[in-house]
Amino acid sequence: MELLRLIKEEAGDYPKFESALAKTDPEDIAKGLVDGRTLLHIICSSGYTKYAHLLITAGAKKGVLGEILDSREPQDN
């Protein structure tokens, strides 16, 4: 996934992330990753609040905000 690569390899290039996000299909934005986390989980754990805000805004505009916010990680009871 291009967005994940941008977060991991080119952190700090906000305009490049913003451009790639605008071109990404909604399903790909909301897709869970191999380990069950979403892109939002990874962005937040990296401390990129500006990126998180952009992702949430894009998810709302593209109609996939619920999927972005859905935690797929196991819950402790």
N, C-alpha and C. Protein backbone atom coordinates (compact mmCIF):
# COMPACT_ATOMS: atom_id res chain seq x y z
N MET A 1 0.84 -1.17 0.00
CA MET A 1 0.00 0.00 0.00
C MET A 1 0.89 1.24 0.00
N GLU A 2 0.64 2.11 -0.93
CA GLU A 2 1.46 3.31 -1.11
C GLU A 2 1.42 4.22 0.12
N LEU A 3 0.26 4.37 0.74
CA LEU A 3 0.15 5.26 1.89
C LEU A 3 1.00 4.75 3.05
N LEU A 4 0.98 3.46 3.27
CA LEU A 4 1.79 2.88 4.35
C LEU A 4 3.28 3.07 4.06
N ARG A 5 3.68 2.89 2.84
CA ARG A 5 5.08 3.10 2.46
C ARG A 5 5.49 4.55 2.72
N LEU A 6 4.61 5.48 2.39
CA LEU A 6 4.92 6.89 2.61
C LEU A 6 5.09 7.20 4.10
N ILE A 7 4.28 6.57 4.93
CA ILE A 7 4.40 6.79 6.37
C ILE A 7 5.71 6.22 6.89
N LYS A 8 6.04 5.02 6.44
CA LYS A 8 7.24 4.35 6.96
C LYS A 8 8.54 4.91 6.38
N GLU A 9 8.56 5.19 5.09
CA GLU A 9 9.80 5.54 4.42
C GLU A 9 9.99 7.04 4.19
N GLU A 10 8.90 7.77 4.07
CA GLU A 10 9.02 9.18 3.73
C GLU A 10 8.26 10.04 4.72
N ALA A 11 8.33 9.66 5.99
CA ALA A 11 7.64 10.43 7.03
C ALA A 11 8.12 11.87 6.98
N GLY A 12 7.20 12.75 7.07
CA GLY A 12 7.55 14.17 7.01
C GLY A 12 7.24 14.80 5.67
N ASP A 13 6.96 14.00 4.65
CA ASP A 13 6.61 14.55 3.35
C ASP A 13 5.08 14.62 3.27
N TYR A 14 4.53 15.55 4.02
CA TYR A 14 3.08 15.69 4.12
C TYR A 14 2.41 15.95 2.78
N PRO A 15 2.94 16.83 1.93
CA PRO A 15 2.28 17.05 0.63
C PRO A 15 2.21 15.79 -0.23
N LYS A 16 3.24 14.98 -0.17
CA LYS A 16 3.24 13.73 -0.95
C LYS A 16 2.17 12.78 -0.41
N PHE A 17 2.05 12.68 0.92
CA PHE A 17 1.03 11.84 1.54
C PHE A 17 -0.36 12.34 1.18
N GLU A 18 -0.56 13.65 1.26
CA GLU A 18 -1.86 14.25 0.94
C GLU A 18 -2.26 13.96 -0.50
N SER A 19 -1.31 14.08 -1.41
CA SER A 19 -1.57 13.81 -2.82
C SER A 19 -1.91 12.34 -3.06
N ALA A 20 -1.15 11.45 -2.45
CA ALA A 20 -1.41 10.02 -2.61
C ALA A 20 -2.76 9.63 -2.00
N LEU A 21 -3.10 10.22 -0.87
CA LEU A 21 -4.38 9.92 -0.22
C LEU A 21 -5.55 10.34 -1.10
N ALA A 22 -5.44 11.47 -1.75
CA ALA A 22 -6.50 11.96 -2.63
C ALA A 22 -6.75 11.02 -3.80
N LYS A 23 -5.71 10.31 -4.23
CA LYS A 23 -5.81 9.41 -5.38
C LYS A 23 -6.17 7.97 -4.99
N THR A 24 -6.20 7.67 -3.70
CA THR A 24 -6.41 6.30 -3.23
C THR A 24 -7.90 5.98 -3.16
N ASP A 25 -8.26 4.78 -3.62
CA ASP A 25 -9.64 4.33 -3.56
C ASP A 25 -10.11 4.21 -2.11
N PRO A 26 -11.37 4.51 -1.83
CA PRO A 26 -11.88 4.44 -0.47
C PRO A 26 -11.66 3.07 0.19
N GLU A 27 -11.84 1.99 -0.58
CA GLU A 27 -11.67 0.65 -0.01
C GLU A 27 -10.24 0.43 0.47
N ASP A 28 -9.29 0.99 -0.25
CA ASP A 28 -7.89 0.83 0.14
C ASP A 28 -7.55 1.66 1.38
N ILE A 29 -8.21 2.78 1.55
CA ILE A 29 -7.97 3.61 2.73
C ILE A 29 -8.44 2.87 3.99
N ALA A 30 -9.57 2.20 3.89
CA ALA A 30 -10.18 1.57 5.05
C ALA A 30 -9.73 0.14 5.30
N LYS A 31 -8.98 -0.41 4.37
CA LYS A 31 -8.60 -1.82 4.45
C LYS A 31 -7.72 -2.08 5.68
N GLY A 32 -8.03 -3.19 6.38
CA GLY A 32 -7.17 -3.62 7.47
C GLY A 32 -5.88 -4.18 6.91
N LEU A 33 -4.82 -4.03 7.65
CA LEU A 33 -3.53 -4.54 7.21
C LEU A 33 -3.33 -5.96 7.72
N VAL A 34 -2.25 -6.57 7.36
CA VAL A 34 -2.00 -7.98 7.68
C VAL A 34 -2.13 -8.27 9.17
N ASP A 35 -1.64 -7.39 10.00
CA ASP A 35 -1.67 -7.64 11.44
C ASP A 35 -2.97 -7.19 12.10
N GLY A 36 -3.95 -6.78 11.31
CA GLY A 36 -5.26 -6.41 11.84
C GLY A 36 -5.42 -4.93 12.14
N ARG A 37 -4.34 -4.19 12.09
CA ARG A 37 -4.44 -2.75 12.34
C ARG A 37 -4.87 -2.04 11.07
N THR A 38 -5.40 -0.85 11.25
CA THR A 38 -5.72 0.00 10.11
C THR A 38 -4.59 1.00 9.91
N LEU A 39 -4.64 1.70 8.82
CA LEU A 39 -3.65 2.74 8.56
C LEU A 39 -3.69 3.79 9.67
N LEU A 40 -4.88 4.07 10.19
CA LEU A 40 -5.00 5.04 11.27
C LEU A 40 -4.24 4.58 12.51
N HIS A 41 -4.31 3.29 12.84
CA HIS A 41 -3.55 2.77 13.98
C HIS A 41 -2.06 3.07 13.82
N ILE A 42 -1.55 2.80 12.65
CA ILE A 42 -0.12 2.98 12.39
C ILE A 42 0.27 4.46 12.46
N ILE A 43 -0.56 5.30 11.86
CA ILE A 43 -0.28 6.73 11.88
C ILE A 43 -0.29 7.25 13.32
N CYS A 44 -1.28 6.86 14.09
CA CYS A 44 -1.38 7.35 15.47
C CYS A 44 -0.22 6.83 16.33
N SER A 45 0.15 5.58 16.16
CA SER A 45 1.25 5.04 16.96
C SER A 45 2.58 5.68 16.58
N SER A 46 2.66 6.26 15.40
CA SER A 46 3.87 6.96 14.97
C SER A 46 3.89 8.42 15.44
N GLY A 47 2.75 8.90 15.93
CA GLY A 47 2.67 10.27 16.43
C GLY A 47 2.42 11.33 15.38
N TYR A 48 1.99 10.94 14.21
CA TYR A 48 1.75 11.89 13.12
C TYR A 48 0.30 12.40 13.17
N THR A 49 0.02 13.29 14.09
CA THR A 49 -1.35 13.76 14.27
C THR A 49 -1.88 14.50 13.05
N LYS A 50 -1.02 15.20 12.37
CA LYS A 50 -1.43 15.93 11.16
C LYS A 50 -1.91 14.94 10.08
N TYR A 51 -1.20 13.83 9.96
CA TYR A 51 -1.57 12.80 9.01
C TYR A 51 -2.89 12.14 9.42
N ALA A 52 -3.05 11.90 10.73
CA ALA A 52 -4.28 11.27 11.23
C ALA A 52 -5.49 12.15 10.92
N HIS A 53 -5.36 13.43 11.13
CA HIS A 53 -6.45 14.36 10.84
C HIS A 53 -6.80 14.30 9.35
N LEU A 54 -5.79 14.30 8.51
CA LEU A 54 -6.01 14.23 7.07
C LEU A 54 -6.70 12.93 6.68
N LEU A 55 -6.27 11.82 7.26
CA LEU A 55 -6.87 10.52 6.95
C LEU A 55 -8.33 10.46 7.39
N ILE A 56 -8.63 10.96 8.57
CA ILE A 56 -10.01 10.95 9.08
C ILE A 56 -10.89 11.84 8.21
N THR A 57 -10.40 12.99 7.83
CA THR A 57 -11.16 13.89 6.95
C THR A 57 -11.42 13.24 5.60
N ALA A 58 -10.40 12.62 5.03
CA ALA A 58 -10.56 11.94 3.73
C ALA A 58 -11.54 10.78 3.86
N GLY A 59 -11.46 10.04 4.95
CA GLY A 59 -12.38 8.92 5.17
C GLY A 59 -13.82 9.38 5.25
N ALA A 60 -14.05 10.51 5.90
CA ALA A 60 -15.41 11.06 6.00
C ALA A 60 -15.91 11.48 4.63
N LYS A 61 -15.06 12.14 3.86
CA LYS A 61 -15.46 12.60 2.52
C LYS A 61 -15.72 11.45 1.57
N LYS A 62 -14.96 10.35 1.75
CA LYS A 62 -15.10 9.21 0.85
C LYS A 62 -16.07 8.16 1.37
N GLY A 63 -16.69 8.42 2.52
CA GLY A 63 -17.72 7.52 3.06
C GLY A 63 -17.21 6.26 3.72
N VAL A 64 -15.98 6.28 4.19
CA VAL A 64 -15.42 5.07 4.82
C VAL A 64 -14.88 5.36 6.23
N LEU A 65 -15.37 6.41 6.86
CA LEU A 65 -14.87 6.78 8.18
C LEU A 65 -15.10 5.67 9.21
N GLY A 66 -16.28 5.05 9.16
CA GLY A 66 -16.58 3.97 10.11
C GLY A 66 -15.57 2.83 10.01
N GLU A 67 -15.20 2.48 8.80
CA GLU A 67 -14.23 1.40 8.61
C GLU A 67 -12.83 1.81 9.07
N ILE A 68 -12.49 3.06 8.89
CA ILE A 68 -11.18 3.54 9.34
C ILE A 68 -11.09 3.49 10.86
N LEU A 69 -12.17 3.84 11.53
CA LEU A 69 -12.17 3.90 12.99
C LEU A 69 -12.39 2.54 13.64
N ASP A 70 -12.82 1.56 12.87
CA ASP A 70 -13.10 0.22 13.41
C ASP A 70 -11.80 -0.47 13.79
N SER A 71 -11.66 -0.77 15.06
CA SER A 71 -10.47 -1.47 15.53
C SER A 71 -10.61 -2.96 15.27
N ARG A 72 -9.64 -3.51 14.60
CA ARG A 72 -9.66 -4.95 14.33
C ARG A 72 -8.71 -5.70 15.27
N GLU A 73 -8.14 -4.97 16.19
CA GLU A 73 -7.23 -5.60 17.14
C GLU A 73 -8.06 -6.31 18.21
N PRO A 74 -7.56 -7.44 18.72
CA PRO A 74 -8.29 -8.16 19.77
C PRO A 74 -8.45 -7.29 21.01
N GLN A 75 -9.61 -7.37 21.61
CA GLN A 75 -9.89 -6.61 22.82
C GLN A 75 -9.66 -7.47 24.05
N ASP A 76 -9.00 -6.92 25.06
CA ASP A 76 -8.81 -7.63 26.32
C ASP A 76 -10.08 -7.47 27.15
N ASN A 77 -10.53 -8.55 27.75
CA ASN A 77 -11.73 -8.49 28.59
C ASN A 77 -11.37 -8.63 30.04
